[in-house]
Amino acid sequence: MANTKRYVITAITLGIIGAASAGIIGVTNLVTREKIKQNEQNKINEGIAEIFGHNSTIFNTQSIENEKYTNTVYFVKADEKNQYAFRADGSNMYGKISLLVGFNELNQFKGISVIVNEQTYASTLVNNYINPMKEADNKDDALEDVSCGATYGAKLIRDLVNDARNVVKKINAKE
């Protein structure tokens, strides 16, 4: 009888702790949800400016379905030309990456901007692959040179860009 009482008290105590923890997580989510969304939108706007210049504006957004990595297209007006930015999200055993991939009016790869980089070797990836690609004259060649000390992350970025490139081709085929 004494053991039963102890088990019941332990179960009730753990239940109260679990319910309190769930309540705290729920309240925290309620308080931070909008700020997180706003920060992500700010990061997207900064990425558009980084790729296309500070005079660029998003004039339309469209969700994309049935693609491996690419999930959103942003139609951008920059220098009086219509251009595209695609959001592509992917992950590997080293973490998650979310990018904006830009294409100019001729559908040529223009550049990337990182929204989320949760890779284990994130600084190596940025210093040895992303930054050199951004500075390269021929971004397509720099994209293919994935040996950088964070090769799996670089391959994932290459795959994200190539997935976005395939979406550009599909969009052009429809027009």
N, C-alpha and C. Protein backbone atom coordinates (compact mmCIF):
# COMPACT_ATOMS: atom_id res chain seq x y z
N MET A 1 0.82 -1.19 0.00
CA MET A 1 0.00 0.00 0.00
C MET A 1 0.86 1.26 0.00
N ALA A 2 1.99 1.22 0.75
CA ALA A 2 2.88 2.38 0.83
C ALA A 2 3.54 2.66 -0.52
N ASN A 3 3.90 1.57 -1.25
CA ASN A 3 4.51 1.74 -2.56
C ASN A 3 3.53 2.36 -3.54
N THR A 4 2.28 1.97 -3.48
CA THR A 4 1.27 2.52 -4.37
C THR A 4 1.11 4.02 -4.15
N LYS A 5 1.09 4.42 -2.88
CA LYS A 5 0.96 5.84 -2.54
C LYS A 5 2.17 6.62 -3.09
N ARG A 6 3.34 6.07 -2.97
CA ARG A 6 4.55 6.73 -3.47
C ARG A 6 4.49 6.87 -4.99
N TYR A 7 4.03 5.84 -5.70
CA TYR A 7 3.94 5.88 -7.15
C TYR A 7 2.91 6.92 -7.60
N VAL A 8 1.81 7.01 -6.92
CA VAL A 8 0.76 7.99 -7.26
C VAL A 8 1.28 9.41 -7.04
N ILE A 9 1.94 9.65 -5.93
CA ILE A 9 2.49 10.98 -5.64
C ILE A 9 3.55 11.36 -6.69
N THR A 10 4.41 10.39 -7.04
CA THR A 10 5.43 10.65 -8.06
C THR A 10 4.79 10.97 -9.40
N ALA A 11 3.78 10.21 -9.78
CA ALA A 11 3.09 10.44 -11.06
C ALA A 11 2.42 11.81 -11.09
N ILE A 12 1.76 12.17 -10.00
CA ILE A 12 1.10 13.49 -9.93
C ILE A 12 2.14 14.61 -9.99
N THR A 13 3.24 14.46 -9.26
CA THR A 13 4.31 15.48 -9.26
C THR A 13 4.88 15.65 -10.66
N LEU A 14 5.18 14.55 -11.33
CA LEU A 14 5.71 14.64 -12.69
C LEU A 14 4.69 15.23 -13.65
N GLY A 15 3.43 14.90 -13.47
CA GLY A 15 2.37 15.47 -14.30
C GLY A 15 2.28 16.98 -14.13
N ILE A 16 2.38 17.46 -12.90
CA ILE A 16 2.33 18.90 -12.62
C ILE A 16 3.54 19.60 -13.25
N ILE A 17 4.71 19.00 -13.10
CA ILE A 17 5.92 19.57 -13.70
C ILE A 17 5.78 19.63 -15.22
N GLY A 18 5.29 18.56 -15.83
CA GLY A 18 5.10 18.52 -17.29
C GLY A 18 4.09 19.56 -17.76
N ALA A 19 2.97 19.69 -17.03
CA ALA A 19 1.95 20.67 -17.40
C ALA A 19 2.48 22.09 -17.26
N ALA A 20 3.23 22.36 -16.19
CA ALA A 20 3.81 23.69 -16.00
C ALA A 20 4.81 24.01 -17.11
N SER A 21 5.63 23.04 -17.47
CA SER A 21 6.61 23.23 -18.54
C SER A 21 5.91 23.51 -19.87
N ALA A 22 4.87 22.75 -20.16
CA ALA A 22 4.11 22.97 -21.40
C ALA A 22 3.48 24.36 -21.40
N GLY A 23 2.98 24.79 -20.28
CA GLY A 23 2.40 26.13 -20.17
C GLY A 23 3.43 27.22 -20.41
N ILE A 24 4.60 27.06 -19.83
CA ILE A 24 5.67 28.04 -20.03
C ILE A 24 6.09 28.09 -21.50
N ILE A 25 6.24 26.94 -22.13
CA ILE A 25 6.61 26.89 -23.55
C ILE A 25 5.52 27.56 -24.40
N GLY A 26 4.26 27.28 -24.09
CA GLY A 26 3.16 27.89 -24.83
C GLY A 26 3.12 29.40 -24.71
N VAL A 27 3.31 29.91 -23.51
CA VAL A 27 3.31 31.37 -23.29
C VAL A 27 4.50 32.01 -24.00
N THR A 28 5.67 31.37 -23.92
CA THR A 28 6.85 31.89 -24.61
C THR A 28 6.61 31.95 -26.12
N ASN A 29 6.01 30.92 -26.67
CA ASN A 29 5.69 30.90 -28.09
C ASN A 29 4.73 32.03 -28.45
N LEU A 30 3.73 32.25 -27.63
CA LEU A 30 2.76 33.31 -27.87
C LEU A 30 3.43 34.68 -27.88
N VAL A 31 4.36 34.88 -26.98
CA VAL A 31 5.03 36.17 -26.85
C VAL A 31 6.02 36.41 -27.99
N THR A 32 6.74 35.37 -28.43
CA THR A 32 7.83 35.55 -29.39
C THR A 32 7.47 35.26 -30.84
N ARG A 33 6.34 34.67 -31.11
CA ARG A 33 5.98 34.24 -32.46
C ARG A 33 6.05 35.37 -33.48
N GLU A 34 5.42 36.49 -33.20
CA GLU A 34 5.39 37.61 -34.14
C GLU A 34 6.76 38.23 -34.34
N LYS A 35 7.54 38.32 -33.27
CA LYS A 35 8.89 38.88 -33.38
C LYS A 35 9.77 37.99 -34.25
N ILE A 36 9.64 36.69 -34.12
CA ILE A 36 10.41 35.76 -34.94
C ILE A 36 10.03 35.91 -36.41
N LYS A 37 8.74 36.00 -36.71
CA LYS A 37 8.29 36.21 -38.09
C LYS A 37 8.82 37.53 -38.65
N GLN A 38 8.78 38.58 -37.85
CA GLN A 38 9.27 39.89 -38.30
C GLN A 38 10.77 39.85 -38.55
N ASN A 39 11.53 39.19 -37.68
CA ASN A 39 12.98 39.08 -37.87
C ASN A 39 13.30 38.30 -39.15
N GLU A 40 12.55 37.25 -39.43
CA GLU A 40 12.76 36.48 -40.66
C GLU A 40 12.46 37.33 -41.88
N GLN A 41 11.37 38.10 -41.84
CA GLN A 41 11.03 38.97 -42.97
C GLN A 41 12.10 40.04 -43.17
N ASN A 42 12.63 40.59 -42.08
CA ASN A 42 13.72 41.56 -42.18
C ASN A 42 14.95 40.94 -42.83
N LYS A 43 15.25 39.69 -42.47
CA LYS A 43 16.39 38.98 -43.05
C LYS A 43 16.19 38.77 -44.55
N ILE A 44 14.96 38.47 -44.95
CA ILE A 44 14.66 38.30 -46.38
C ILE A 44 14.83 39.63 -47.11
N ASN A 45 14.31 40.71 -46.55
CA ASN A 45 14.45 42.03 -47.18
C ASN A 45 15.92 42.44 -47.30
N GLU A 46 16.71 42.17 -46.26
CA GLU A 46 18.15 42.46 -46.31
C GLU A 46 18.83 41.61 -47.38
N GLY A 47 18.40 40.35 -47.51
CA GLY A 47 18.98 39.46 -48.52
C GLY A 47 18.67 39.93 -49.93
N ILE A 48 17.45 40.39 -50.14
CA ILE A 48 17.07 40.92 -51.46
C ILE A 48 17.95 42.13 -51.78
N ALA A 49 18.15 43.01 -50.81
CA ALA A 49 19.00 44.19 -51.02
C ALA A 49 20.45 43.77 -51.26
N GLU A 50 20.91 42.74 -50.57
CA GLU A 50 22.29 42.26 -50.75
C GLU A 50 22.50 41.72 -52.16
N ILE A 51 21.53 40.98 -52.68
CA ILE A 51 21.67 40.36 -54.00
C ILE A 51 21.44 41.37 -55.12
N PHE A 52 20.38 42.17 -55.01
CA PHE A 52 19.95 43.02 -56.13
C PHE A 52 20.25 44.50 -55.95
N GLY A 53 20.70 44.91 -54.79
CA GLY A 53 20.96 46.32 -54.54
C GLY A 53 19.87 46.92 -53.65
N HIS A 54 20.20 48.04 -53.06
CA HIS A 54 19.30 48.64 -52.07
C HIS A 54 18.07 49.31 -52.68
N ASN A 55 18.06 49.51 -53.98
CA ASN A 55 16.88 50.10 -54.61
C ASN A 55 15.89 49.05 -55.09
N SER A 56 16.09 47.79 -54.70
CA SER A 56 15.20 46.71 -55.12
C SER A 56 14.02 46.56 -54.17
N THR A 57 12.90 46.13 -54.74
CA THR A 57 11.70 45.91 -53.94
C THR A 57 11.02 44.62 -54.38
N ILE A 58 10.42 43.95 -53.41
CA ILE A 58 9.62 42.76 -53.71
C ILE A 58 8.23 43.24 -54.12
N PHE A 59 7.78 42.85 -55.31
CA PHE A 59 6.44 43.27 -55.72
C PHE A 59 5.45 42.13 -55.76
N ASN A 60 5.91 40.90 -55.57
CA ASN A 60 4.99 39.76 -55.51
C ASN A 60 5.72 38.57 -54.88
N THR A 61 4.97 37.74 -54.20
CA THR A 61 5.51 36.53 -53.58
C THR A 61 4.58 35.38 -53.92
N GLN A 62 5.16 34.23 -54.21
CA GLN A 62 4.35 33.07 -54.57
C GLN A 62 4.97 31.82 -53.95
N SER A 63 4.12 30.97 -53.38
CA SER A 63 4.59 29.69 -52.84
C SER A 63 4.82 28.72 -53.98
N ILE A 64 5.78 27.85 -53.79
CA ILE A 64 6.11 26.83 -54.78
C ILE A 64 5.94 25.48 -54.10
N GLU A 65 5.28 24.58 -54.78
CA GLU A 65 5.06 23.25 -54.22
C GLU A 65 5.75 22.20 -55.09
N ASN A 66 5.98 21.06 -54.51
CA ASN A 66 6.51 19.88 -55.20
C ASN A 66 7.94 20.04 -55.68
N GLU A 67 8.72 20.88 -55.05
CA GLU A 67 10.14 20.99 -55.34
C GLU A 67 10.90 20.45 -54.14
N LYS A 68 12.09 19.96 -54.36
CA LYS A 68 12.86 19.35 -53.29
C LYS A 68 13.25 20.36 -52.22
N TYR A 69 13.79 21.51 -52.64
CA TYR A 69 14.27 22.50 -51.68
C TYR A 69 13.57 23.86 -51.79
N THR A 70 13.23 24.26 -52.99
CA THR A 70 12.71 25.60 -53.24
C THR A 70 11.24 25.67 -52.86
N ASN A 71 10.87 26.68 -52.05
CA ASN A 71 9.50 26.74 -51.58
C ASN A 71 8.81 28.09 -51.81
N THR A 72 9.56 29.14 -52.16
CA THR A 72 8.96 30.45 -52.36
C THR A 72 9.72 31.20 -53.44
N VAL A 73 9.00 31.92 -54.27
CA VAL A 73 9.63 32.82 -55.23
C VAL A 73 9.21 34.25 -54.89
N TYR A 74 10.19 35.14 -54.87
CA TYR A 74 9.96 36.57 -54.67
C TYR A 74 10.24 37.25 -56.00
N PHE A 75 9.24 37.93 -56.53
CA PHE A 75 9.43 38.69 -57.76
C PHE A 75 9.94 40.06 -57.35
N VAL A 76 11.10 40.42 -57.87
CA VAL A 76 11.82 41.60 -57.42
C VAL A 76 11.94 42.59 -58.58
N LYS A 77 11.72 43.85 -58.27
CA LYS A 77 11.96 44.93 -59.23
C LYS A 77 13.26 45.60 -58.80
N ALA A 78 14.27 45.54 -59.68
CA ALA A 78 15.57 46.16 -59.40
C ALA A 78 16.08 46.76 -60.70
N ASP A 79 16.51 48.00 -60.63
CA ASP A 79 17.01 48.70 -61.83
C ASP A 79 16.01 48.63 -62.98
N GLU A 80 14.75 48.80 -62.65
CA GLU A 80 13.67 48.78 -63.65
C GLU A 80 13.54 47.45 -64.38
N LYS A 81 14.06 46.39 -63.80
CA LYS A 81 13.98 45.06 -64.41
C LYS A 81 13.34 44.10 -63.44
N ASN A 82 12.60 43.15 -63.98
CA ASN A 82 11.99 42.10 -63.16
C ASN A 82 12.99 40.98 -62.97
N GLN A 83 13.23 40.64 -61.70
CA GLN A 83 14.18 39.60 -61.38
C GLN A 83 13.54 38.66 -60.37
N TYR A 84 14.20 37.53 -60.08
CA TYR A 84 13.65 36.52 -59.18
C TYR A 84 14.58 36.28 -58.00
N ALA A 85 14.00 36.02 -56.85
CA ALA A 85 14.74 35.47 -55.71
C ALA A 85 13.93 34.29 -55.20
N PHE A 86 14.60 33.20 -54.98
CA PHE A 86 13.95 31.98 -54.51
C PHE A 86 14.44 31.65 -53.12
N ARG A 87 13.50 31.26 -52.28
CA ARG A 87 13.89 30.75 -50.96
C ARG A 87 14.01 29.25 -51.08
N ALA A 88 15.15 28.74 -50.64
CA ALA A 88 15.40 27.31 -50.67
C ALA A 88 15.90 26.89 -49.30
N ASP A 89 15.31 25.84 -48.75
CA ASP A 89 15.66 25.33 -47.43
C ASP A 89 16.11 23.89 -47.56
N GLY A 90 17.18 23.55 -46.86
CA GLY A 90 17.65 22.17 -46.88
C GLY A 90 18.42 21.86 -45.61
N SER A 91 18.67 20.58 -45.41
CA SER A 91 19.45 20.17 -44.24
C SER A 91 20.24 18.92 -44.57
N ASN A 92 21.29 18.73 -43.82
CA ASN A 92 22.09 17.52 -43.92
C ASN A 92 22.48 17.13 -42.50
N MET A 93 23.39 16.19 -42.35
CA MET A 93 23.75 15.72 -41.02
C MET A 93 24.45 16.78 -40.18
N TYR A 94 24.85 17.89 -40.81
CA TYR A 94 25.55 18.96 -40.10
C TYR A 94 24.64 20.14 -39.74
N GLY A 95 23.39 20.12 -40.16
CA GLY A 95 22.46 21.18 -39.80
C GLY A 95 21.66 21.71 -40.96
N LYS A 96 20.93 22.78 -40.70
CA LYS A 96 19.99 23.37 -41.65
C LYS A 96 20.60 24.60 -42.31
N ILE A 97 20.22 24.81 -43.58
CA ILE A 97 20.59 26.03 -44.31
C ILE A 97 19.33 26.52 -45.02
N SER A 98 19.12 27.82 -44.97
CA SER A 98 18.05 28.47 -45.70
C SER A 98 18.66 29.64 -46.45
N LEU A 99 18.40 29.71 -47.76
CA LEU A 99 19.01 30.72 -48.62
C LEU A 99 17.98 31.47 -49.44
N LEU A 100 18.37 32.67 -49.87
CA LEU A 100 17.73 33.34 -50.98
C LEU A 100 18.68 33.19 -52.15
N VAL A 101 18.16 32.76 -53.28
CA VAL A 101 18.96 32.57 -54.48
C VAL A 101 18.43 33.52 -55.53
N GLY A 102 19.28 34.43 -56.01
CA GLY A 102 18.84 35.45 -56.96
C GLY A 102 19.21 35.13 -58.39
N PHE A 103 18.30 35.49 -59.30
CA PHE A 103 18.51 35.36 -60.74
C PHE A 103 18.12 36.67 -61.39
N ASN A 104 18.92 37.12 -62.37
CA ASN A 104 18.62 38.38 -63.03
C ASN A 104 17.55 38.22 -64.09
N GLU A 105 17.29 39.29 -64.84
CA GLU A 105 16.22 39.27 -65.85
C GLU A 105 16.51 38.30 -66.98
N LEU A 106 17.78 37.91 -67.16
CA LEU A 106 18.15 36.93 -68.18
C LEU A 106 18.20 35.52 -67.60
N ASN A 107 17.71 35.38 -66.37
CA ASN A 107 17.66 34.10 -65.65
C ASN A 107 19.04 33.53 -65.37
N GLN A 108 20.02 34.41 -65.21
CA GLN A 108 21.37 33.99 -64.86
C GLN A 108 21.52 34.10 -63.34
N PHE A 109 22.24 33.16 -62.76
CA PHE A 109 22.50 33.13 -61.33
C PHE A 109 23.22 34.41 -60.92
N LYS A 110 22.64 35.15 -59.99
CA LYS A 110 23.17 36.45 -59.58
C LYS A 110 23.87 36.38 -58.23
N GLY A 111 23.39 35.55 -57.31
CA GLY A 111 24.02 35.45 -56.01
C GLY A 111 23.10 34.84 -54.98
N ILE A 112 23.64 34.71 -53.76
CA ILE A 112 22.86 34.15 -52.65
C ILE A 112 22.95 35.06 -51.44
N SER A 113 21.99 34.88 -50.56
CA SER A 113 22.02 35.50 -49.24
C SER A 113 21.53 34.45 -48.25
N VAL A 114 22.25 34.29 -47.17
CA VAL A 114 21.94 33.27 -46.18
C VAL A 114 20.91 33.81 -45.20
N ILE A 115 19.81 33.08 -45.04
CA ILE A 115 18.80 33.42 -44.04
C ILE A 115 19.10 32.67 -42.74
N VAL A 116 19.36 31.37 -42.85
CA VAL A 116 19.68 30.53 -41.69
C VAL A 116 20.88 29.67 -42.04
N ASN A 117 21.87 29.64 -41.16
CA ASN A 117 23.02 28.76 -41.33
C ASN A 117 23.29 28.09 -39.99
N GLU A 118 22.75 26.89 -39.82
CA GLU A 118 22.91 26.14 -38.58
C GLU A 118 23.90 24.99 -38.75
N GLN A 119 24.76 25.09 -39.77
CA GLN A 119 25.75 24.05 -40.01
C GLN A 119 26.78 24.00 -38.88
N THR A 120 27.27 22.82 -38.59
CA THR A 120 28.28 22.65 -37.55
C THR A 120 29.51 23.49 -37.87
N TYR A 121 29.94 23.51 -39.09
CA TYR A 121 31.11 24.28 -39.53
C TYR A 121 30.66 25.55 -40.25
N ALA A 122 29.75 26.28 -39.64
CA ALA A 122 29.15 27.45 -40.27
C ALA A 122 30.18 28.51 -40.64
N SER A 123 31.09 28.83 -39.74
CA SER A 123 32.07 29.88 -40.05
C SER A 123 33.01 29.45 -41.16
N THR A 124 33.40 28.19 -41.19
CA THR A 124 34.24 27.67 -42.28
C THR A 124 33.50 27.76 -43.60
N LEU A 125 32.23 27.40 -43.59
CA LEU A 125 31.40 27.46 -44.79
C LEU A 125 31.30 28.89 -45.31
N VAL A 126 31.06 29.82 -44.42
CA VAL A 126 30.93 31.23 -44.82
C VAL A 126 32.27 31.76 -45.34
N ASN A 127 33.33 31.55 -44.59
CA ASN A 127 34.64 32.12 -44.96
C ASN A 127 35.26 31.49 -46.20
N ASN A 128 35.07 30.18 -46.38
CA ASN A 128 35.77 29.48 -47.46
C ASN A 128 34.90 29.16 -48.67
N TYR A 129 33.59 29.38 -48.58
CA TYR A 129 32.73 29.05 -49.72
C TYR A 129 31.76 30.18 -50.06
N ILE A 130 30.97 30.62 -49.11
CA ILE A 130 29.93 31.61 -49.39
C ILE A 130 30.55 32.96 -49.76
N ASN A 131 31.44 33.49 -48.92
CA ASN A 131 32.03 34.79 -49.23
C ASN A 131 32.83 34.79 -50.54
N PRO A 132 33.69 33.79 -50.79
CA PRO A 132 34.38 33.78 -52.09
C PRO A 132 33.42 33.69 -53.27
N MET A 133 32.30 32.96 -53.11
CA MET A 133 31.33 32.87 -54.20
C MET A 133 30.69 34.23 -54.45
N LYS A 134 30.36 34.95 -53.38
CA LYS A 134 29.74 36.27 -53.53
C LYS A 134 30.67 37.24 -54.24
N GLU A 135 31.98 37.09 -54.01
CA GLU A 135 32.97 38.01 -54.60
C GLU A 135 33.44 37.58 -55.98
N ALA A 136 33.14 36.36 -56.37
CA ALA A 136 33.64 35.83 -57.65
C ALA A 136 32.97 36.51 -58.83
N ASP A 137 33.75 36.70 -59.88
CA ASP A 137 33.19 37.23 -61.12
C ASP A 137 32.30 36.19 -61.79
N ASN A 138 32.75 34.94 -61.80
CA ASN A 138 31.96 33.86 -62.37
C ASN A 138 31.37 33.04 -61.23
N LYS A 139 30.16 33.39 -60.83
CA LYS A 139 29.52 32.75 -59.69
C LYS A 139 29.22 31.27 -59.95
N ASP A 140 28.97 30.90 -61.19
CA ASP A 140 28.68 29.50 -61.50
C ASP A 140 29.90 28.62 -61.24
N ASP A 141 31.09 29.09 -61.62
CA ASP A 141 32.30 28.31 -61.34
C ASP A 141 32.55 28.22 -59.85
N ALA A 142 32.38 29.33 -59.15
CA ALA A 142 32.57 29.35 -57.70
C ALA A 142 31.57 28.43 -57.00
N LEU A 143 30.37 28.36 -57.54
CA LEU A 143 29.34 27.49 -56.98
C LEU A 143 29.76 26.03 -57.05
N GLU A 144 30.40 25.64 -58.12
CA GLU A 144 30.79 24.24 -58.32
C GLU A 144 32.03 23.83 -57.53
N ASP A 145 32.83 24.79 -57.08
CA ASP A 145 34.05 24.49 -56.33
C ASP A 145 33.70 24.30 -54.85
N VAL A 146 33.27 23.08 -54.50
CA VAL A 146 32.73 22.82 -53.16
C VAL A 146 33.76 22.36 -52.13
N SER A 147 35.01 22.18 -52.51
CA SER A 147 36.01 21.75 -51.53
C SER A 147 36.48 22.97 -50.74
N CYS A 148 36.04 23.05 -49.49
CA CYS A 148 36.28 24.27 -48.72
C CYS A 148 36.50 24.02 -47.23
N GLY A 149 36.53 22.78 -46.79
CA GLY A 149 36.63 22.50 -45.37
C GLY A 149 35.27 22.26 -44.73
N ALA A 150 34.23 22.60 -45.45
CA ALA A 150 32.85 22.33 -45.02
C ALA A 150 32.11 21.82 -46.26
N THR A 151 32.66 20.76 -46.83
CA THR A 151 32.22 20.28 -48.14
C THR A 151 30.75 19.88 -48.16
N TYR A 152 30.26 19.25 -47.12
CA TYR A 152 28.85 18.84 -47.11
C TYR A 152 27.93 20.05 -47.12
N GLY A 153 28.27 21.09 -46.39
CA GLY A 153 27.49 22.32 -46.42
C GLY A 153 27.55 22.98 -47.78
N ALA A 154 28.74 23.00 -48.39
CA ALA A 154 28.89 23.60 -49.72
C ALA A 154 28.10 22.82 -50.76
N LYS A 155 28.12 21.50 -50.66
CA LYS A 155 27.33 20.68 -51.60
C LYS A 155 25.84 20.95 -51.42
N LEU A 156 25.40 21.12 -50.18
CA LEU A 156 23.99 21.42 -49.93
C LEU A 156 23.62 22.78 -50.54
N ILE A 157 24.47 23.77 -50.37
CA ILE A 157 24.20 25.08 -50.98
C ILE A 157 24.15 24.95 -52.49
N ARG A 158 25.09 24.23 -53.08
CA ARG A 158 25.07 24.01 -54.53
C ARG A 158 23.76 23.35 -54.96
N ASP A 159 23.31 22.36 -54.20
CA ASP A 159 22.05 21.69 -54.53
C ASP A 159 20.85 22.63 -54.40
N LEU A 160 20.87 23.51 -53.39
CA LEU A 160 19.79 24.48 -53.22
C LEU A 160 19.74 25.43 -54.41
N VAL A 161 20.90 25.92 -54.84
CA VAL A 161 20.96 26.84 -55.98
C VAL A 161 20.51 26.13 -57.25
N ASN A 162 20.96 24.91 -57.46
CA ASN A 162 20.57 24.18 -58.66
C ASN A 162 19.08 23.85 -58.67
N ASP A 163 18.50 23.59 -57.50
CA ASP A 163 17.05 23.37 -57.43
C ASP A 163 16.31 24.65 -57.82
N ALA A 164 16.78 25.78 -57.33
CA ALA A 164 16.17 27.07 -57.71
C ALA A 164 16.34 27.32 -59.21
N ARG A 165 17.49 26.96 -59.76
CA ARG A 165 17.74 27.13 -61.20
C ARG A 165 16.74 26.31 -62.01
N ASN A 166 16.42 25.10 -61.53
CA ASN A 166 15.42 24.26 -62.22
C ASN A 166 14.04 24.90 -62.16
N VAL A 167 13.72 25.55 -61.06
CA VAL A 167 12.43 26.24 -60.95
C VAL A 167 12.37 27.40 -61.94
N VAL A 168 13.48 28.13 -62.11
CA VAL A 168 13.53 29.21 -63.10
C VAL A 168 13.21 28.66 -64.48
N LYS A 169 13.81 27.53 -64.81
CA LYS A 169 13.56 26.91 -66.12
C LYS A 169 12.08 26.55 -66.27
N LYS A 170 11.47 26.03 -65.21
CA LYS A 170 10.04 25.69 -65.27
C LYS A 170 9.18 26.93 -65.44
N ILE A 171 9.53 28.00 -64.75
CA ILE A 171 8.77 29.26 -64.86
C ILE A 171 8.88 29.77 -66.29
N ASN A 172 10.07 29.72 -66.88
CA ASN A 172 10.26 30.20 -68.25
C ASN A 172 9.52 29.34 -69.25
N ALA A 173 9.43 28.04 -68.98
CA ALA A 173 8.71 27.14 -69.89
C ALA A 173 7.23 27.46 -69.91
N LYS A 174 6.70 27.95 -68.79
CA LYS A 174 5.28 28.31 -68.71
C LYS A 174 4.96 29.61 -69.44
N GLU A 175 5.96 30.50 -69.52
CA GLU A 175 5.72 31.83 -70.12
C GLU A 175 5.70 31.80 -71.61
